[in-house]
C-alpha cells in the first residue's frame, strides 16, 4: 500500500507545505501509527531526532537540502522515542 506522506519528494517550500498537510492528515486518520501523540511529546522527539539527522545524510552520501531536512525531521519525530 502506498503512503503519500513517505512518497512525496520535498524539494521546495510548496512541497514542504504539502508534506505538512499530509502529516496532519496522517495523524488524524492513523493516530495508532504515531508514537508521539501529544504536542509536547512530538516536539521533544522532533528535537531529539534532529540530533540524529546528520548520520542519516552521512550514511546516504547526500547533501542536506533545506526543505527536505524539515520533512525528514518531522517524519522522524513521528516514531522517535
PDB file of N, CA and C in Angstrom:
ATOM      1  N   UNK A   1       0.850  -1.183   0.000  1.00  0.00           N
ATOM      2  CA  UNK A   1       0.000   0.000   0.000  1.00  0.00           C
ATOM      3  C   UNK A   1       0.888   1.236   0.000  1.00  0.00           C
ATOM      4  N   UNK A   2       0.573   2.168  -0.842  1.00  0.00           N
ATOM      5  CA  UNK A   2       1.375   3.389  -0.934  1.00  0.00           C
ATOM      6  C   UNK A   2       0.986   4.369   0.180  1.00  0.00           C
ATOM      7  N   UNK A   3       1.942   5.212   0.513  1.00  0.00           N
ATOM      8  CA  UNK A   3       1.713   6.219   1.541  1.00  0.00           C
ATOM      9  C   UNK A   3       2.266   7.539   1.022  1.00  0.00           C
ATOM     10  N   UNK A   4       1.389   8.479   0.639  1.00  0.00           N
ATOM     11  CA  UNK A   4       1.841   9.750   0.080  1.00  0.00           C
ATOM     12  C   UNK A   4       2.781  10.523   1.006  1.00  0.00           C
ATOM     13  N   UNK A   5       2.636  10.336   2.307  1.00  0.00           N
ATOM     14  CA  UNK A   5       3.494  11.020   3.271  1.00  0.00           C
ATOM     15  C   UNK A   5       4.960  10.678   3.026  1.00  0.00           C
ATOM     16  N   UNK A   6       5.229   9.420   2.725  1.00  0.00           N
ATOM     17  CA  UNK A   6       6.610   8.974   2.519  1.00  0.00           C
ATOM     18  C   UNK A   6       7.026   8.997   1.049  1.00  0.00           C
ATOM     19  N   UNK A   7       6.086   9.128   0.149  1.00  0.00           N
ATOM     20  CA  UNK A   7       6.401   9.167  -1.278  1.00  0.00           C
ATOM     21  C   UNK A   7       6.656  10.578  -1.792  1.00  0.00           C
ATOM     22  N   UNK A   8       6.107  11.577  -1.130  1.00  0.00           N
ATOM     23  CA  UNK A   8       6.269  12.963  -1.572  1.00  0.00           C
ATOM     24  C   UNK A   8       7.731  13.379  -1.491  1.00  0.00           C
ATOM     25  N   UNK A   9       8.263  13.892  -2.566  1.00  0.00           N
ATOM     26  CA  UNK A   9       9.625  14.431  -2.578  1.00  0.00           C
ATOM     27  C   UNK A   9       9.540  15.901  -2.195  1.00  0.00           C
ATOM     28  N   UNK A  10      10.193  16.256  -1.121  1.00  0.00           N
ATOM     29  CA  UNK A  10      10.177  17.638  -0.635  1.00  0.00           C
ATOM     30  C   UNK A  10      11.354  18.357  -1.282  1.00  0.00           C
ATOM     31  N   UNK A  11      11.038  19.293  -2.152  1.00  0.00           N
ATOM     32  CA  UNK A  11      12.078  19.983  -2.915  1.00  0.00           C
ATOM     33  C   UNK A  11      12.028  21.493  -2.774  1.00  0.00           C
ATOM     34  N   UNK A  12      10.946  22.023  -2.245  1.00  0.00           N
ATOM     35  CA  UNK A  12      10.791  23.468  -2.135  1.00  0.00           C
ATOM     36  C   UNK A  12       9.731  23.788  -1.083  1.00  0.00           C
ATOM     37  N   UNK A  13       9.466  25.052  -0.936  1.00  0.00           N
ATOM     38  CA  UNK A  13       8.504  25.491   0.079  1.00  0.00           C
ATOM     39  C   UNK A  13       7.122  24.888  -0.153  1.00  0.00           C
ATOM     40  N   UNK A  14       6.647  24.879  -1.387  1.00  0.00           N
ATOM     41  CA  UNK A  14       5.308  24.371  -1.681  1.00  0.00           C
ATOM     42  C   UNK A  14       5.184  22.887  -1.355  1.00  0.00           C
ATOM     43  N   UNK A  15       6.192  22.111  -1.724  1.00  0.00           N
ATOM     44  CA  UNK A  15       6.116  20.680  -1.432  1.00  0.00           C
ATOM     45  C   UNK A  15       6.260  20.430   0.077  1.00  0.00           C
ATOM     46  N   UNK A  16       7.016  21.274   0.772  1.00  0.00           N
ATOM     47  CA  UNK A  16       7.107  21.144   2.221  1.00  0.00           C
ATOM     48  C   UNK A  16       5.752  21.437   2.866  1.00  0.00           C
ATOM     49  N   UNK A  17       5.063  22.463   2.379  1.00  0.00           N
ATOM     50  CA  UNK A  17       3.739  22.773   2.909  1.00  0.00           C
ATOM     51  C   UNK A  17       2.763  21.631   2.630  1.00  0.00           C
ATOM     52  N   UNK A  18       2.864  21.018   1.447  1.00  0.00           N
ATOM     53  CA  UNK A  18       2.029  19.846   1.127  1.00  0.00           C
ATOM     54  C   UNK A  18       2.353  18.712   2.101  1.00  0.00           C
ATOM     55  N   UNK A  19       3.630  18.522   2.370  1.00  0.00           N
ATOM     56  CA  UNK A  19       4.050  17.497   3.317  1.00  0.00           C
ATOM     57  C   UNK A  19       3.413  17.730   4.690  1.00  0.00           C
ATOM     58  N   UNK A  20       3.425  18.956   5.169  1.00  0.00           N
ATOM     59  CA  UNK A  20       2.827  19.243   6.474  1.00  0.00           C
ATOM     60  C   UNK A  20       1.342  18.904   6.488  1.00  0.00           C
ATOM     61  N   UNK A  21       0.664  19.184   5.375  1.00  0.00           N
ATOM     62  CA  UNK A  21      -0.745  18.815   5.268  1.00  0.00           C
ATOM     63  C   UNK A  21      -0.932  17.303   5.323  1.00  0.00           C
ATOM     64  N   UNK A  22      -0.081  16.572   4.626  1.00  0.00           N
ATOM     65  CA  UNK A  22      -0.145  15.108   4.652  1.00  0.00           C
ATOM     66  C   UNK A  22       0.176  14.573   6.050  1.00  0.00           C
ATOM     67  N   UNK A  23       1.121  15.205   6.727  1.00  0.00           N
ATOM     68  CA  UNK A  23       1.481  14.792   8.084  1.00  0.00           C
ATOM     69  C   UNK A  23       0.278  14.944   9.009  1.00  0.00           C
ATOM     70  N   UNK A  24      -0.395  16.061   8.899  1.00  0.00           N
ATOM     71  CA  UNK A  24      -1.596  16.299   9.708  1.00  0.00           C
ATOM     72  C   UNK A  24      -2.674  15.272   9.387  1.00  0.00           C
ATOM     73  N   UNK A  25      -2.922  15.040   8.090  1.00  0.00           N
ATOM     74  CA  UNK A  25      -3.920  14.053   7.671  1.00  0.00           C
ATOM     75  C   UNK A  25      -3.578  12.665   8.216  1.00  0.00           C
ATOM     76  N   UNK A  26      -2.286  12.319   8.201  1.00  0.00           N
ATOM     77  CA  UNK A  26      -1.859  11.019   8.704  1.00  0.00           C
ATOM     78  C   UNK A  26      -2.150  10.898  10.196  1.00  0.00           C
ATOM     79  N   UNK A  27      -1.917  11.959  10.946  1.00  0.00           N
ATOM     80  CA  UNK A  27      -2.193  11.927  12.384  1.00  0.00           C
ATOM     81  C   UNK A  27      -3.690  11.729  12.650  1.00  0.00           C
ATOM     82  N   UNK A  28      -4.512  12.412  11.877  1.00  0.00           N
ATOM     83  CA  UNK A  28      -5.960  12.316  12.065  1.00  0.00           C
ATOM     84  C   UNK A  28      -6.480  10.932  11.685  1.00  0.00           C
ATOM     85  N   UNK A  29      -6.009  10.388  10.567  1.00  0.00           N
ATOM     86  CA  UNK A  29      -6.541   9.113  10.078  1.00  0.00           C
ATOM     87  C   UNK A  29      -5.807   7.890  10.616  1.00  0.00           C
ATOM     88  N   UNK A  30      -4.614   8.071  11.174  1.00  0.00           N
ATOM     89  CA  UNK A  30      -3.806   6.937  11.614  1.00  0.00           C
ATOM     90  C   UNK A  30      -3.110   7.229  12.949  1.00  0.00           C
ATOM     91  N   UNK A  31      -3.835   7.651  13.984  1.00  0.00           N
ATOM     92  CA  UNK A  31      -3.172   8.007  15.245  1.00  0.00           C
ATOM     93  C   UNK A  31      -2.444   6.832  15.894  1.00  0.00           C
ATOM     94  N   UNK A  32      -2.902   5.599  15.635  1.00  0.00           N
ATOM     95  CA  UNK A  32      -2.224   4.443  16.227  1.00  0.00           C
ATOM     96  C   UNK A  32      -0.824   4.236  15.646  1.00  0.00           C
ATOM     97  N   UNK A  33      -0.532   4.838  14.511  1.00  0.00           N
ATOM     98  CA  UNK A  33       0.788   4.746  13.900  1.00  0.00           C
ATOM     99  C   UNK A  33       1.779   5.775  14.431  1.00  0.00           C
ATOM    100  N   UNK A  34       1.318   6.612  15.331  1.00  0.00           N
ATOM    101  CA  UNK A  34       2.165   7.682  15.883  1.00  0.00           C
ATOM    102  C   UNK A  34       2.625   7.315  17.285  1.00  0.00           C
ATOM    103  N   UNK A  35       3.910   7.340  17.503  1.00  0.00           N
ATOM    104  CA  UNK A  35       4.476   7.116  18.834  1.00  0.00           C
ATOM    105  C   UNK A  35       4.245   8.343  19.725  1.00  0.00           C
ATOM    106  N   UNK A  36       4.329   9.534  19.134  1.00  0.00           N
ATOM    107  CA  UNK A  36       4.255  10.801  19.881  1.00  0.00           C
ATOM    108  C   UNK A  36       2.951  11.516  19.530  1.00  0.00           C
ATOM    109  N   UNK A  37       1.933  11.315  20.378  1.00  0.00           N
ATOM    110  CA  UNK A  37       0.586  11.783  20.074  1.00  0.00           C
ATOM    111  C   UNK A  37       0.246  13.142  20.674  1.00  0.00           C
ATOM    112  N   UNK A  38       1.064  13.640  21.585  1.00  0.00           N
ATOM    113  CA  UNK A  38       0.809  14.960  22.158  1.00  0.00           C
ATOM    114  C   UNK A  38       1.848  15.931  21.615  1.00  0.00           C
ATOM    115  N   UNK A  39       1.505  17.195  21.623  1.00  0.00           N
ATOM    116  CA  UNK A  39       2.444  18.197  21.132  1.00  0.00           C
ATOM    117  C   UNK A  39       3.752  18.203  21.923  1.00  0.00           C
ATOM    118  N   UNK A  40       3.719  18.146  23.266  1.00  0.00           N
ATOM    119  CA  UNK A  40       4.992  18.098  23.986  1.00  0.00           C
ATOM    120  C   UNK A  40       5.846  16.889  23.598  1.00  0.00           C
ATOM    121  N   UNK A  41       5.223  15.708  23.460  1.00  0.00           N
ATOM    122  CA  UNK A  41       5.976  14.516  23.065  1.00  0.00           C
ATOM    123  C   UNK A  41       6.526  14.667  21.647  1.00  0.00           C
ATOM    124  N   UNK A  42       5.703  15.192  20.754  1.00  0.00           N
ATOM    125  CA  UNK A  42       6.124  15.376  19.365  1.00  0.00           C
ATOM    126  C   UNK A  42       7.298  16.352  19.285  1.00  0.00           C
ATOM    127  N   UNK A  43       7.195  17.466  19.993  1.00  0.00           N
ATOM    128  CA  UNK A  43       8.277  18.452  19.949  1.00  0.00           C
ATOM    129  C   UNK A  43       9.554  17.920  20.567  1.00  0.00           C
ATOM    130  N   UNK A  44       9.431  17.140  21.646  1.00  0.00           N
ATOM    131  CA  UNK A  44      10.621  16.534  22.245  1.00  0.00           C
ATOM    132  C   UNK A  44      11.284  15.574  21.260  1.00  0.00           C
ATOM    133  N   UNK A  45      10.475  14.752  20.597  1.00  0.00           N
ATOM    134  CA  UNK A  45      11.017  13.823  19.605  1.00  0.00           C
ATOM    135  C   UNK A  45      11.593  14.574  18.413  1.00  0.00           C
ATOM    136  N   UNK A  46      10.975  15.671  18.036  1.00  0.00           N
ATOM    137  CA  UNK A  46      11.489  16.495  16.940  1.00  0.00           C
ATOM    138  C   UNK A  46      12.886  16.995  17.267  1.00  0.00           C
ATOM    139  N   UNK A  47      13.063  17.481  18.476  1.00  0.00           N
ATOM    140  CA  UNK A  47      14.384  17.964  18.882  1.00  0.00           C
ATOM    141  C   UNK A  47      15.394  16.820  18.972  1.00  0.00           C
ATOM    142  N   UNK A  48      14.975  15.690  19.500  1.00  0.00           N
ATOM    143  CA  UNK A  48      15.869  14.539  19.638  1.00  0.00           C
ATOM    144  C   UNK A  48      16.245  13.974  18.280  1.00  0.00           C
ATOM    145  N   UNK A  49      15.260  13.847  17.383  1.00  0.00           N
ATOM    146  CA  UNK A  49      15.544  13.307  16.050  1.00  0.00           C
ATOM    147  C   UNK A  49      16.492  14.216  15.288  1.00  0.00           C
ATOM    148  N   UNK A  50      16.403  15.508  15.495  1.00  0.00           N
ATOM    149  CA  UNK A  50      17.296  16.458  14.831  1.00  0.00           C
ATOM    150  C   UNK A  50      18.748  16.148  15.151  1.00  0.00           C
ATOM    151  N   UNK A  51      19.011  15.667  16.341  1.00  0.00           N
ATOM    152  CA  UNK A  51      20.375  15.320  16.736  1.00  0.00           C
ATOM    153  C   UNK A  51      20.929  14.189  15.876  1.00  0.00           C
ATOM    154  N   UNK A  52      20.061  13.304  15.389  1.00  0.00           N
ATOM    155  CA  UNK A  52      20.487  12.121  14.640  1.00  0.00           C
ATOM    156  C   UNK A  52      20.454  12.292  13.123  1.00  0.00           C
ATOM    157  N   UNK A  53      19.901  13.378  12.624  1.00  0.00           N
ATOM    158  CA  UNK A  53      19.662  13.509  11.184  1.00  0.00           C
ATOM    159  C   UNK A  53      20.956  13.573  10.373  1.00  0.00           C
ATOM    160  N   UNK A  54      22.020  14.127  10.933  1.00  0.00           N
ATOM    161  CA  UNK A  54      23.281  14.212  10.205  1.00  0.00           C
ATOM    162  C   UNK A  54      23.795  12.822   9.837  1.00  0.00           C
ATOM    163  N   UNK A  55      23.664  11.866  10.747  1.00  0.00           N
ATOM    164  CA  UNK A  55      24.099  10.500  10.465  1.00  0.00           C
ATOM    165  C   UNK A  55      23.340   9.890   9.303  1.00  0.00           C
ATOM    166  N   UNK A  56      22.047  10.178   9.218  1.00  0.00           N
ATOM    167  CA  UNK A  56      21.227   9.699   8.095  1.00  0.00           C
ATOM    168  C   UNK A  56      21.808  10.183   6.773  1.00  0.00           C
ATOM    169  N   UNK A  57      22.128  11.467   6.705  1.00  0.00           N
ATOM    170  CA  UNK A  57      22.667  12.018   5.465  1.00  0.00           C
ATOM    171  C   UNK A  57      24.098  11.549   5.210  1.00  0.00           C
ATOM    172  N   UNK A  58      24.888  11.406   6.248  1.00  0.00           N
ATOM    173  CA  UNK A  58      26.244  10.890   6.072  1.00  0.00           C
ATOM    174  C   UNK A  58      26.215   9.485   5.493  1.00  0.00           C
ATOM    175  N   UNK A  59      25.321   8.632   6.006  1.00  0.00           N
ATOM    176  CA  UNK A  59      25.204   7.260   5.518  1.00  0.00           C
ATOM    177  C   UNK A  59      24.642   7.183   4.111  1.00  0.00           C
ATOM    178  N   UNK A  60      23.893   8.203   3.699  1.00  0.00           N
ATOM    179  CA  UNK A  60      23.311   8.243   2.362  1.00  0.00           C
ATOM    180  C   UNK A  60      24.217   8.935   1.357  1.00  0.00           C
ATOM    181  N   UNK A  61      25.358   9.450   1.826  1.00  0.00           N
ATOM    182  CA  UNK A  61      26.256  10.236   0.967  1.00  0.00           C
ATOM    183  C   UNK A  61      25.508  11.348   0.240  1.00  0.00           C
ATOM    184  N   UNK A  62      24.644  12.026   0.954  1.00  0.00           N
ATOM    185  CA  UNK A  62      23.822  13.072   0.359  1.00  0.00           C
ATOM    186  C   UNK A  62      24.030  14.389   1.101  1.00  0.00           C
ATOM    187  N   UNK A  63      23.882  15.479   0.351  1.00  0.00           N
ATOM    188  CA  UNK A  63      23.891  16.798   0.967  1.00  0.00           C
ATOM    189  C   UNK A  63      22.571  16.994   1.703  1.00  0.00           C
ATOM    190  N   UNK A  64      22.577  17.861   2.684  1.00  0.00           N
ATOM    191  CA  UNK A  64      21.352  18.141   3.428  1.00  0.00           C
ATOM    192  C   UNK A  64      20.616  19.293   2.741  1.00  0.00           C
ATOM    193  N   UNK A  65      19.540  18.984   2.006  1.00  0.00           N
ATOM    194  CA  UNK A  65      18.747  20.060   1.406  1.00  0.00           C
ATOM    195  C   UNK A  65      17.833  20.688   2.453  1.00  0.00           C
ATOM    196  N   UNK A  66      17.651  21.972   2.381  1.00  0.00           N
ATOM    197  CA  UNK A  66      16.941  22.704   3.421  1.00  0.00           C
ATOM    198  C   UNK A  66      15.520  22.187   3.655  1.00  0.00           C
ATOM    199  N   UNK A  67      14.670  22.176   2.654  1.00  0.00           N
ATOM    200  CA  UNK A  67      13.267  21.828   2.873  1.00  0.00           C
ATOM    201  C   UNK A  67      13.087  20.357   3.178  1.00  0.00           C
ATOM    202  N   UNK A  68      13.811  19.492   2.528  1.00  0.00           N
ATOM    203  CA  UNK A  68      13.636  18.067   2.825  1.00  0.00           C
ATOM    204  C   UNK A  68      14.136  17.729   4.221  1.00  0.00           C
ATOM    205  N   UNK A  69      15.092  18.474   4.725  1.00  0.00           N
ATOM    206  CA  UNK A  69      15.545  18.250   6.093  1.00  0.00           C
ATOM    207  C   UNK A  69      14.397  18.439   7.072  1.00  0.00           C
ATOM    208  N   UNK A  70      13.632  19.487   6.899  1.00  0.00           N
ATOM    209  CA  UNK A  70      12.484  19.713   7.777  1.00  0.00           C
ATOM    210  C   UNK A  70      11.493  18.568   7.681  1.00  0.00           C
ATOM    211  N   UNK A  71      11.245  18.086   6.485  1.00  0.00           N
ATOM    212  CA  UNK A  71      10.340  16.946   6.309  1.00  0.00           C
ATOM    213  C   UNK A  71      10.853  15.693   6.983  1.00  0.00           C
ATOM    214  N   UNK A  72      12.134  15.415   6.814  1.00  0.00           N
ATOM    215  CA  UNK A  72      12.715  14.229   7.443  1.00  0.00           C
ATOM    216  C   UNK A  72      12.721  14.345   8.958  1.00  0.00           C
ATOM    217  N   UNK A  73      12.923  15.526   9.477  1.00  0.00           N
ATOM    218  CA  UNK A  73      12.860  15.740  10.923  1.00  0.00           C
ATOM    219  C   UNK A  73      11.451  15.430  11.433  1.00  0.00           C
ATOM    220  N   UNK A  74      10.440  15.913  10.735  1.00  0.00           N
ATOM    221  CA  UNK A  74       9.057  15.663  11.158  1.00  0.00           C
ATOM    222  C   UNK A  74       8.698  14.182  11.063  1.00  0.00           C
ATOM    223  N   UNK A  75       9.124  13.522   9.986  1.00  0.00           N
ATOM    224  CA  UNK A  75       8.849  12.087   9.863  1.00  0.00           C
ATOM    225  C   UNK A  75       9.540  11.316  10.983  1.00  0.00           C
ATOM    226  N   UNK A  76      10.763  11.686  11.298  1.00  0.00           N
ATOM    227  CA  UNK A  76      11.475  11.014  12.372  1.00  0.00           C
ATOM    228  C   UNK A  76      10.803  11.217  13.707  1.00  0.00           C
ATOM    229  N   UNK A  77      10.291  12.431  13.937  1.00  0.00           N
ATOM    230  CA  UNK A  77       9.625  12.727  15.206  1.00  0.00           C
ATOM    231  C   UNK A  77       8.352  11.914  15.374  1.00  0.00           C
ATOM    232  N   UNK A  78       7.770  11.468  14.267  1.00  0.00           N
ATOM    233  CA  UNK A  78       6.543  10.676  14.335  1.00  0.00           C
ATOM    234  C   UNK A  78       6.777   9.385  15.099  1.00  0.00           C
ATOM    235  N   UNK A  79       7.939   8.783  14.982  1.00  0.00           N
ATOM    236  CA  UNK A  79       8.185   7.488  15.599  1.00  0.00           C
ATOM    237  C   UNK A  79       9.358   7.466  16.560  1.00  0.00           C
ATOM    238  N   UNK A  80      10.102   8.554  16.665  1.00  0.00           N
ATOM    239  CA  UNK A  80      11.296   8.592  17.509  1.00  0.00           C
ATOM    240  C   UNK A  80      10.902   8.557  18.974  1.00  0.00           C
ATOM    241  N   UNK A  81      11.600   7.740  19.744  1.00  0.00           N
ATOM    242  CA  UNK A  81      11.301   7.655  21.182  1.00  0.00           C
ATOM    243  C   UNK A  81      12.239   8.525  21.980  1.00  0.00           C
TER     244      UNK A  81
END
